[in-house]
């Protein structure tokens, strides 16, 4: 997990620097992919409607945050309050990081004469992609702490999480509201937040164990 955090962090910083500097090869790639997908979105309104439902409802950041909040409530009810607060805290910090970078970079979204969808705020990083990555990553981690070893539904949920994270990113580019690098940036930054949160949590667990105080009602956590 440590190497994963380092790699995702380094790649996030590198991509951020390229976007902020307006690196021509990256901008050219973004434009070519976005234009090709936008032509498809305009030509296939039925598929575009499906993408809008997935992007604006199923995988919307509000939906993701509601899932995280529901999980935190369940953990609190199970008296795993430190884990619940860790989940909420990581989600909040990820939102602050996301909005801070949007304001810092100030990247404009794609502009089309015939748009099929609209979005607010700056483009980089993609809030949909980052929020889905953070939420799905944290929820899989919580599930792994409790049920991974003996639960047959683990594989299905892990697959659904991967589809959600990749799928929402694709819908944002297809709908013409993000450049591809915005989505990649959201994925990288989202995973960086998850990896750091897990590492920090494990560190507090080890310190608590060495101090002999235990984790106090965190049954199933490890």
Protein backbone atom coordinates (compact mmCIF):
# COMPACT_ATOMS: atom_id res chain seq x y z
CA UNK A 1 0.00 0.00 0.00
CA UNK A 2 2.89 2.34 0.71
CA UNK A 3 4.30 1.95 -2.81
CA UNK A 4 0.82 2.45 -4.23
CA UNK A 5 0.48 5.72 -2.34
CA UNK A 6 3.89 6.91 -3.53
CA UNK A 7 3.27 6.00 -7.18
CA UNK A 8 -0.20 7.54 -7.29
CA UNK A 9 1.07 10.65 -5.52
CA UNK A 10 4.01 11.12 -7.89
CA UNK A 11 1.86 10.55 -10.97
CA UNK A 12 -0.76 12.97 -9.64
CA UNK A 13 1.81 15.71 -9.17
CA UNK A 14 3.32 15.05 -12.60
CA UNK A 15 -0.05 15.19 -14.34
CA UNK A 16 -1.01 18.30 -12.39
CA UNK A 17 2.20 20.00 -13.53
CA UNK A 18 1.60 19.05 -17.18
CA UNK A 19 -1.97 20.31 -17.09
CA UNK A 20 -1.03 23.56 -15.34
CA UNK A 21 1.82 24.14 -17.81
CA UNK A 22 -0.44 23.44 -20.80
CA UNK A 23 1.85 20.74 -22.23
CA UNK A 24 0.98 20.58 -25.93
CA UNK A 25 1.08 16.79 -26.48
CA UNK A 26 -1.29 16.27 -23.55
CA UNK A 27 -3.67 19.00 -24.70
CA UNK A 28 -3.63 17.61 -28.23
CA UNK A 29 -4.44 14.12 -26.98
CA UNK A 30 -7.24 15.46 -24.78
CA UNK A 31 -8.75 17.40 -27.65
CA UNK A 32 -8.64 14.52 -30.15
CA UNK A 33 -10.26 12.02 -27.76
CA UNK A 34 -12.89 14.51 -26.56
CA UNK A 35 -13.84 15.51 -30.10
CA UNK A 36 -14.19 11.91 -31.24
CA UNK A 37 -16.38 10.97 -28.29
CA UNK A 38 -18.49 14.11 -28.61
CA UNK A 39 -19.28 13.28 -32.21
CA UNK A 40 -20.52 9.90 -31.03
CA UNK A 41 -22.60 11.47 -28.25
CA UNK A 42 -24.31 13.82 -30.69
CA UNK A 43 -24.93 11.05 -33.22
CA UNK A 44 -26.37 8.57 -30.69
CA UNK A 45 -28.83 10.38 -28.40
CA UNK A 46 -30.11 7.13 -26.89
CA UNK A 47 -26.67 6.12 -25.68
CA UNK A 48 -26.10 9.68 -24.50
CA UNK A 49 -29.22 9.49 -22.32
CA UNK A 50 -27.94 6.28 -20.76
CA UNK A 51 -24.62 7.95 -20.01
CA UNK A 52 -26.40 10.91 -18.43
CA UNK A 53 -28.42 8.66 -16.14
CA UNK A 54 -25.29 6.80 -15.07
CA UNK A 55 -23.24 9.96 -14.63
CA UNK A 56 -25.85 12.25 -13.07
CA UNK A 57 -27.68 9.72 -10.90
CA UNK A 58 -26.12 6.29 -10.42
CA UNK A 59 -22.48 7.44 -10.11
CA UNK A 60 -23.10 11.05 -9.14
CA UNK A 61 -20.91 12.41 -6.29
CA UNK A 62 -24.01 12.90 -4.14
CA UNK A 63 -24.86 9.22 -4.57
CA UNK A 64 -21.31 8.23 -3.68
CA UNK A 65 -21.27 10.46 -0.62
CA UNK A 66 -24.62 9.08 0.50
CA UNK A 67 -23.13 5.56 0.32
CA UNK A 68 -20.16 6.67 2.39
CA UNK A 69 -22.42 8.41 4.92
CA UNK A 70 -24.67 5.34 5.20
CA UNK A 71 -21.65 3.14 5.80
CA UNK A 72 -20.36 5.53 8.45
CA UNK A 73 -23.73 5.45 10.23
CA UNK A 74 -23.69 1.64 10.17
CA UNK A 75 -20.17 1.57 11.59
CA UNK A 76 -21.15 4.05 14.29
CA UNK A 77 -24.14 1.89 15.19
CA UNK A 78 -21.80 -1.12 15.44
CA UNK A 79 -19.68 0.96 17.85
CA UNK A 80 -16.79 1.14 15.40
CA UNK A 81 -16.71 4.88 15.80
CA UNK A 82 -13.09 5.52 15.03
CA UNK A 83 -13.43 3.74 11.70
CA UNK A 84 -16.65 5.66 10.98
CA UNK A 85 -14.93 8.97 11.68
CA UNK A 86 -11.95 7.91 9.57
CA UNK A 87 -14.27 7.20 6.64
CA UNK A 88 -16.05 10.53 6.96
CA UNK A 89 -12.83 12.46 7.54
CA UNK A 90 -11.13 11.01 4.48
CA UNK A 91 -14.17 11.77 2.32
CA UNK A 92 -14.29 15.38 3.53
CA UNK A 93 -10.56 15.93 3.05
CA UNK A 94 -10.79 14.49 -0.48
CA UNK A 95 -13.53 16.99 -1.34
CA UNK A 96 -11.44 19.86 0.03
CA UNK A 97 -8.41 18.70 -1.97
CA UNK A 98 -10.52 18.36 -5.10
CA UNK A 99 -12.07 21.82 -4.83
CA UNK A 100 -8.75 23.40 -3.88
CA UNK A 101 -7.05 21.99 -6.97
CA UNK A 102 -9.95 23.05 -9.18
CA UNK A 103 -9.56 26.61 -7.93
CA UNK A 104 -5.76 26.49 -8.17
CA UNK A 105 -5.54 25.10 -11.71
CA UNK A 106 -8.65 26.82 -13.07
CA UNK A 107 -8.79 24.63 -16.16
CA UNK A 108 -11.66 25.34 -18.54
CA UNK A 109 -14.02 22.56 -19.51
CA UNK A 110 -14.56 21.53 -23.13
CA UNK A 111 -16.79 23.92 -25.05
CA UNK A 112 -19.07 22.64 -27.81
CA UNK A 113 -21.48 24.34 -30.21
CA UNK A 114 -23.91 21.45 -29.61
CA UNK A 115 -23.40 20.33 -25.99
CA UNK A 116 -25.18 17.23 -24.71
CA UNK A 117 -24.63 17.96 -21.00
CA UNK A 118 -23.32 20.71 -18.73
CA UNK A 119 -21.23 20.96 -15.57
CA UNK A 120 -20.03 23.58 -13.11
CA UNK A 121 -16.69 24.59 -11.60
CA UNK A 122 -13.28 24.06 -13.16
CA UNK A 123 -12.34 20.89 -15.00
CA UNK A 124 -9.25 19.46 -13.27
CA UNK A 125 -9.54 17.08 -11.51
CA UNK A 126 -12.83 15.37 -12.33
CA UNK A 127 -14.97 15.44 -9.19
CA UNK A 128 -17.04 12.49 -10.36
CA UNK A 129 -13.96 10.32 -10.98
CA UNK A 130 -12.22 11.33 -7.76
CA UNK A 131 -15.30 10.93 -5.57
CA UNK A 132 -16.12 7.51 -7.02
CA UNK A 133 -12.54 6.35 -6.50
CA UNK A 134 -12.43 7.57 -2.90
CA UNK A 135 -15.84 6.18 -1.98
CA UNK A 136 -15.45 2.80 -3.68
CA UNK A 137 -11.91 2.39 -2.41
CA UNK A 138 -12.88 3.17 1.18
CA UNK A 139 -15.96 0.96 1.10
CA UNK A 140 -13.98 -1.99 -0.26
CA UNK A 141 -11.41 -1.44 2.47
CA UNK A 142 -14.11 -1.45 5.16
CA UNK A 143 -15.61 -4.63 3.68
CA UNK A 144 -12.19 -6.26 3.58
CA UNK A 145 -11.69 -5.50 7.26
CA UNK A 146 -14.83 -7.43 8.15
CA UNK A 147 -15.95 -9.97 5.58
CA UNK A 148 -13.44 -10.60 2.81
CA UNK A 149 -12.13 -13.96 4.06
CA UNK A 150 -15.45 -15.76 4.22
CA UNK A 151 -17.88 -13.79 2.07
CA UNK A 152 -18.68 -15.04 -1.42
CA UNK A 153 -20.13 -11.71 -2.52
CA UNK A 154 -16.78 -9.97 -2.20
CA UNK A 155 -15.77 -10.53 -5.81
CA UNK A 156 -19.05 -9.18 -7.18
CA UNK A 157 -18.82 -6.02 -5.08
CA UNK A 158 -15.18 -5.49 -6.01
CA UNK A 159 -16.13 -5.84 -9.67
CA UNK A 160 -19.01 -3.39 -9.27
CA UNK A 161 -16.65 -0.89 -7.64
CA UNK A 162 -14.14 -1.15 -10.50
CA UNK A 163 -16.90 -0.76 -13.10
CA UNK A 164 -18.25 2.28 -11.24
CA UNK A 165 -14.89 4.02 -11.00
CA UNK A 166 -13.93 3.38 -14.62
CA UNK A 167 -17.45 3.87 -15.90
CA UNK A 168 -18.08 7.26 -14.37
CA UNK A 169 -14.83 8.58 -15.80
CA UNK A 170 -15.76 7.40 -19.27
CA UNK A 171 -19.22 8.96 -19.05
CA UNK A 172 -17.75 12.36 -18.15
CA UNK A 173 -15.55 12.42 -21.24
CA UNK A 174 -18.30 10.97 -23.46
CA UNK A 175 -20.71 13.67 -22.32
CA UNK A 176 -18.16 16.33 -23.20
CA UNK A 177 -17.81 17.91 -19.75
CA UNK A 178 -14.25 16.76 -19.03
CA UNK A 179 -10.97 16.19 -20.80
CA UNK A 180 -9.48 12.68 -20.48
CA UNK A 181 -6.62 13.96 -18.31
CA UNK A 182 -9.18 15.44 -15.87
CA UNK A 183 -10.55 11.96 -15.32
CA UNK A 184 -7.13 10.34 -14.99
CA UNK A 185 -6.22 13.03 -12.49
CA UNK A 186 -9.36 12.27 -10.50
CA UNK A 187 -8.57 8.56 -10.44
CA UNK A 188 -4.97 9.12 -9.33
CA UNK A 189 -5.78 11.66 -6.66
CA UNK A 190 -8.69 9.59 -5.41
CA UNK A 191 -6.57 6.49 -5.01
CA UNK A 192 -3.81 8.53 -3.37
CA UNK A 193 -6.33 9.70 -0.74
CA UNK A 194 -7.51 6.12 -0.14
CA UNK A 195 -3.98 4.72 0.13
CA UNK A 196 -2.84 7.42 2.53
CA UNK A 197 -5.97 6.99 4.67
CA UNK A 198 -5.41 3.22 4.93
CA UNK A 199 -1.72 3.63 5.76
CA UNK A 200 -2.47 6.23 8.41
CA UNK A 201 -5.20 4.08 9.94
CA UNK A 202 -2.92 1.06 10.09
CA UNK A 203 -0.27 3.22 11.70
CA UNK A 204 -2.63 4.30 14.47
CA UNK A 205 -3.65 0.66 14.97
CA UNK A 206 -0.02 -0.39 15.43
CA UNK A 207 0.71 2.45 17.82
CA UNK A 208 -2.38 1.59 19.83
CA UNK A 209 -1.36 -2.06 20.00
CA UNK A 210 2.16 -1.15 21.16
CA UNK A 211 0.71 1.13 23.81
CA UNK A 212 -1.36 -1.80 25.04
CA UNK A 213 -4.61 0.13 24.83
CA UNK A 214 -6.20 -1.87 21.99
CA UNK A 215 -8.64 -0.25 19.55
CA UNK A 216 -11.63 -0.09 21.83
CA UNK A 217 -14.64 -1.62 20.17
CA UNK A 218 -13.38 -1.98 16.62
CA UNK A 219 -14.34 -5.59 16.23
CA UNK A 220 -13.19 -7.10 13.00
CA UNK A 221 -10.71 -4.29 12.18
CA UNK A 222 -7.13 -5.13 11.41
